[in-house]
Amino acid sequence: MTARQIIEARLGRKLPPAAQMRPDERRAVVLLAMQLIKQRRET
Protein backbone atom coordinates (compact mmCIF):
# COMPACT_ATOMS: atom_id res chain seq x y z
CA MET A 1 0.00 0.00 0.00
CA THR A 2 1.12 3.53 -0.67
CA ALA A 3 1.31 6.21 2.00
CA ARG A 4 -1.73 7.89 0.44
CA GLN A 5 -3.74 4.65 0.55
CA ILE A 6 -2.81 4.02 4.20
CA ILE A 7 -3.85 7.51 5.27
CA GLU A 8 -7.08 7.36 3.24
CA ALA A 9 -7.93 4.02 4.87
CA ARG A 10 -7.33 5.43 8.34
CA LEU A 11 -9.32 8.59 7.63
CA GLY A 12 -12.12 6.73 5.88
CA ARG A 13 -12.20 9.22 3.00
CA LYS A 14 -10.34 10.03 -0.18
CA LEU A 15 -7.69 12.72 -0.10
CA PRO A 16 -7.78 15.48 -2.70
CA PRO A 17 -5.01 15.79 -5.31
CA ALA A 18 -1.67 16.83 -3.80
CA ALA A 19 -1.96 20.40 -5.07
CA GLN A 20 -5.28 20.82 -3.24
CA MET A 21 -4.32 19.12 0.04
CA ARG A 22 -4.05 21.07 3.24
CA PRO A 23 -0.43 21.48 4.36
CA ASP A 24 -0.85 19.07 7.29
CA GLU A 25 -2.32 16.38 5.03
CA ARG A 26 0.48 16.78 2.51
CA ARG A 27 3.09 16.61 5.27
CA ALA A 28 1.53 13.44 6.70
CA VAL A 29 1.66 11.73 3.29
CA VAL A 30 5.27 12.78 2.71
CA LEU A 31 6.46 11.71 6.15
CA LEU A 32 4.72 8.35 5.93
CA ALA A 33 6.11 7.78 2.44
CA MET A 34 9.63 8.50 3.70
CA GLN A 35 9.12 6.11 6.60
CA LEU A 36 7.88 3.36 4.26
CA ILE A 37 10.84 3.83 1.91
CA LYS A 38 13.31 3.72 4.80
CA GLN A 39 11.64 0.61 6.19
CA ARG A 40 11.73 -1.10 2.77
CA ARG A 41 15.48 -0.37 2.40
CA GLU A 42 16.26 -1.97 5.78
CA THR A 43 14.61 -5.29 4.90
PDB file of N, CA and C in Angstrom:
ATOM      1  N   MET A   1       0.842  -1.190   0.000  1.00  0.00           N
ATOM      2  CA  MET A   1       0.000   0.000   0.000  1.00  0.00           C
ATOM      3  C   MET A   1       0.882   1.247   0.000  1.00  0.00           C
ATOM      4  N   THR A   2       0.389   2.269  -0.662  1.00  0.00           N
ATOM      5  CA  THR A   2       1.117   3.533  -0.669  1.00  0.00           C
ATOM      6  C   THR A   2       0.768   4.333   0.585  1.00  0.00           C
ATOM      7  N   ALA A   3       1.566   5.344   0.852  1.00  0.00           N
ATOM      8  CA  ALA A   3       1.307   6.211   2.003  1.00  0.00           C
ATOM      9  C   ALA A   3      -0.076   6.844   1.883  1.00  0.00           C
ATOM     10  N   ARG A   4      -0.417   7.273   0.680  1.00  0.00           N
ATOM     11  CA  ARG A   4      -1.732   7.886   0.444  1.00  0.00           C
ATOM     12  C   ARG A   4      -2.851   6.895   0.768  1.00  0.00           C
ATOM     13  N   GLN A   5      -2.712   5.661   0.315  1.00  0.00           N
ATOM     14  CA  GLN A   5      -3.743   4.647   0.552  1.00  0.00           C
ATOM     15  C   GLN A   5      -3.889   4.344   2.041  1.00  0.00           C
ATOM     16  N   ILE A   6      -2.773   4.283   2.754  1.00  0.00           N
ATOM     17  CA  ILE A   6      -2.812   4.015   4.195  1.00  0.00           C
ATOM     18  C   ILE A   6      -3.544   5.138   4.922  1.00  0.00           C
ATOM     19  N   ILE A   7      -3.203   6.375   4.594  1.00  0.00           N
ATOM     20  CA  ILE A   7      -3.847   7.510   5.267  1.00  0.00           C
ATOM     21  C   ILE A   7      -5.326   7.585   4.906  1.00  0.00           C
ATOM     22  N   GLU A   8      -5.665   7.350   3.637  1.00  0.00           N
ATOM     23  CA  GLU A   8      -7.082   7.359   3.240  1.00  0.00           C
ATOM     24  C   GLU A   8      -7.858   6.279   3.982  1.00  0.00           C
ATOM     25  N   ALA A   9      -7.255   5.099   4.155  1.00  0.00           N
ATOM     26  CA  ALA A   9      -7.933   4.015   4.871  1.00  0.00           C
ATOM     27  C   ALA A   9      -8.166   4.394   6.332  1.00  0.00           C
ATOM     28  N   ARG A  10      -7.190   5.034   6.930  1.00  0.00           N
ATOM     29  CA  ARG A  10      -7.326   5.430   8.339  1.00  0.00           C
ATOM     30  C   ARG A  10      -8.336   6.557   8.514  1.00  0.00           C
ATOM     31  N   LEU A  11      -8.365   7.473   7.555  1.00  0.00           N
ATOM     32  CA  LEU A  11      -9.316   8.587   7.634  1.00  0.00           C
ATOM     33  C   LEU A  11     -10.725   8.172   7.236  1.00  0.00           C
ATOM     34  N   GLY A  12     -10.816   7.167   6.370  1.00  0.00           N
ATOM     35  CA  GLY A  12     -12.115   6.735   5.882  1.00  0.00           C
ATOM     36  C   GLY A  12     -12.655   7.616   4.776  1.00  0.00           C
ATOM     37  N   ARG A  13     -11.786   8.358   4.122  1.00  0.00           N
ATOM     38  CA  ARG A  13     -12.202   9.217   3.004  1.00  0.00           C
ATOM     39  C   ARG A  13     -11.033   9.380   2.047  1.00  0.00           C
ATOM     40  N   LYS A  14     -11.357   9.781   0.824  1.00  0.00           N
ATOM     41  CA  LYS A  14     -10.335  10.029  -0.184  1.00  0.00           C
ATOM     42  C   LYS A  14      -9.683  11.378   0.078  1.00  0.00           C
ATOM     43  N   LEU A  15      -8.392  11.443  -0.185  1.00  0.00           N
ATOM     44  CA  LEU A  15      -7.687  12.717  -0.102  1.00  0.00           C
ATOM     45  C   LEU A  15      -7.773  13.417  -1.451  1.00  0.00           C
ATOM     46  N   PRO A  16      -7.770  14.735  -1.437  1.00  0.00           N
ATOM     47  CA  PRO A  16      -7.779  15.477  -2.704  1.00  0.00           C
ATOM     48  C   PRO A  16      -6.420  15.338  -3.395  1.00  0.00           C
ATOM     49  N   PRO A  17      -6.313  15.785  -4.644  1.00  0.00           N
ATOM     50  CA  PRO A  17      -5.014  15.793  -5.307  1.00  0.00           C
ATOM     51  C   PRO A  17      -3.995  16.574  -4.472  1.00  0.00           C
ATOM     52  N   ALA A  18      -2.722  16.233  -4.629  1.00  0.00           N
ATOM     53  CA  ALA A  18      -1.673  16.834  -3.797  1.00  0.00           C
ATOM     54  C   ALA A  18      -1.699  18.359  -3.819  1.00  0.00           C
ATOM     55  N   ALA A  19      -1.957  18.939  -4.968  1.00  0.00           N
ATOM     56  CA  ALA A  19      -1.962  20.399  -5.074  1.00  0.00           C
ATOM     57  C   ALA A  19      -3.090  21.040  -4.262  1.00  0.00           C
ATOM     58  N   GLN A  20      -4.129  20.283  -3.959  1.00  0.00           N
ATOM     59  CA  GLN A  20      -5.282  20.821  -3.236  1.00  0.00           C
ATOM     60  C   GLN A  20      -5.326  20.377  -1.769  1.00  0.00           C
ATOM     61  N   MET A  21      -4.354  19.577  -1.351  1.00  0.00           N
ATOM     62  CA  MET A  21      -4.324  19.115   0.041  1.00  0.00           C
ATOM     63  C   MET A  21      -3.970  20.252   0.981  1.00  0.00           C
ATOM     64  N   ARG A  22      -4.469  20.142   2.205  1.00  0.00           N
ATOM     65  CA  ARG A  22      -4.050  21.071   3.243  1.00  0.00           C
ATOM     66  C   ARG A  22      -2.594  20.753   3.580  1.00  0.00           C
ATOM     67  N   PRO A  23      -1.845  21.719   4.062  1.00  0.00           N
ATOM     68  CA  PRO A  23      -0.429  21.479   4.363  1.00  0.00           C
ATOM     69  C   PRO A  23      -0.195  20.318   5.336  1.00  0.00           C
ATOM     70  N   ASP A  24      -1.050  20.168   6.337  1.00  0.00           N
ATOM     71  CA  ASP A  24      -0.854  19.073   7.292  1.00  0.00           C
ATOM     72  C   ASP A  24      -1.107  17.717   6.648  1.00  0.00           C
ATOM     73  N   GLU A  25      -2.061  17.630   5.740  1.00  0.00           N
ATOM     74  CA  GLU A  25      -2.317  16.376   5.028  1.00  0.00           C
ATOM     75  C   GLU A  25      -1.138  16.022   4.123  1.00  0.00           C
ATOM     76  N   ARG A  26      -0.649  17.010   3.416  1.00  0.00           N
ATOM     77  CA  ARG A  26       0.482  16.777   2.507  1.00  0.00           C
ATOM     78  C   ARG A  26       1.708  16.327   3.297  1.00  0.00           C
ATOM     79  N   ARG A  27       1.947  16.972   4.423  1.00  0.00           N
ATOM     80  CA  ARG A  27       3.093  16.607   5.270  1.00  0.00           C
ATOM     81  C   ARG A  27       2.950  15.185   5.803  1.00  0.00           C
ATOM     82  N   ALA A  28       1.755  14.797   6.193  1.00  0.00           N
ATOM     83  CA  ALA A  28       1.531  13.442   6.696  1.00  0.00           C
ATOM     84  C   ALA A  28       1.833  12.407   5.615  1.00  0.00           C
ATOM     85  N   VAL A  29       1.397  12.658   4.394  1.00  0.00           N
ATOM     86  CA  VAL A  29       1.657  11.728   3.293  1.00  0.00           C
ATOM     87  C   VAL A  29       3.158  11.631   3.025  1.00  0.00           C
ATOM     88  N   VAL A  30       3.829  12.764   2.985  1.00  0.00           N
ATOM     89  CA  VAL A  30       5.271  12.780   2.708  1.00  0.00           C
ATOM     90  C   VAL A  30       6.043  12.057   3.802  1.00  0.00           C
ATOM     91  N   LEU A  31       5.739  12.347   5.055  1.00  0.00           N
ATOM     92  CA  LEU A  31       6.465  11.712   6.153  1.00  0.00           C
ATOM     93  C   LEU A  31       6.230  10.205   6.195  1.00  0.00           C
ATOM     94  N   LEU A  32       4.998   9.779   5.949  1.00  0.00           N
ATOM     95  CA  LEU A  32       4.724   8.352   5.932  1.00  0.00           C
ATOM     96  C   LEU A  32       5.414   7.684   4.750  1.00  0.00           C
ATOM     97  N   ALA A  33       5.420   8.334   3.615  1.00  0.00           N
ATOM     98  CA  ALA A  33       6.105   7.785   2.441  1.00  0.00           C
ATOM     99  C   ALA A  33       7.591   7.615   2.732  1.00  0.00           C
ATOM    100  N   MET A  34       8.198   8.599   3.358  1.00  0.00           N
ATOM    101  CA  MET A  34       9.626   8.504   3.696  1.00  0.00           C
ATOM    102  C   MET A  34       9.879   7.362   4.661  1.00  0.00           C
ATOM    103  N   GLN A  35       8.986   7.191   5.628  1.00  0.00           N
ATOM    104  CA  GLN A  35       9.123   6.110   6.597  1.00  0.00           C
ATOM    105  C   GLN A  35       8.999   4.750   5.905  1.00  0.00           C
ATOM    106  N   LEU A  36       8.059   4.615   4.974  1.00  0.00           N
ATOM    107  CA  LEU A  36       7.879   3.358   4.261  1.00  0.00           C
ATOM    108  C   LEU A  36       9.092   3.036   3.391  1.00  0.00           C
ATOM    109  N   ILE A  37       9.659   4.041   2.741  1.00  0.00           N
ATOM    110  CA  ILE A  37      10.844   3.833   1.906  1.00  0.00           C
ATOM    111  C   ILE A  37      12.023   3.398   2.769  1.00  0.00           C
ATOM    112  N   LYS A  38      12.209   4.063   3.891  1.00  0.00           N
ATOM    113  CA  LYS A  38      13.307   3.721   4.798  1.00  0.00           C
ATOM    114  C   LYS A  38      13.148   2.304   5.323  1.00  0.00           C
ATOM    115  N   GLN A  39      11.931   1.946   5.676  1.00  0.00           N
ATOM    116  CA  GLN A  39      11.644   0.605   6.186  1.00  0.00           C
ATOM    117  C   GLN A  39      11.909  -0.449   5.100  1.00  0.00           C
ATOM    118  N   ARG A  40      11.539  -0.161   3.875  1.00  0.00           N
ATOM    119  CA  ARG A  40      11.733  -1.102   2.771  1.00  0.00           C
ATOM    120  C   ARG A  40      13.229  -1.315   2.500  1.00  0.00           C
ATOM    121  N   ARG A  41      14.040  -0.260   2.642  1.00  0.00           N
ATOM    122  CA  ARG A  41      15.477  -0.366   2.405  1.00  0.00           C
ATOM    123  C   ARG A  41      16.165  -1.225   3.458  1.00  0.00           C
ATOM    124  N   GLU A  42      15.645  -1.231   4.667  1.00  0.00           N
ATOM    125  CA  GLU A  42      16.257  -1.975   5.778  1.00  0.00           C
ATOM    126  C   GLU A  42      15.962  -3.469   5.703  1.00  0.00           C
ATOM    127  N   THR A  43      14.959  -3.868   4.959  1.00  0.00           N
ATOM    128  CA  THR A  43      14.610  -5.289   4.897  1.00  0.00           C
ATOM    129  C   THR A  43      15.186  -5.952   3.684  1.00  0.00           C
TER     130      THR A  43
END
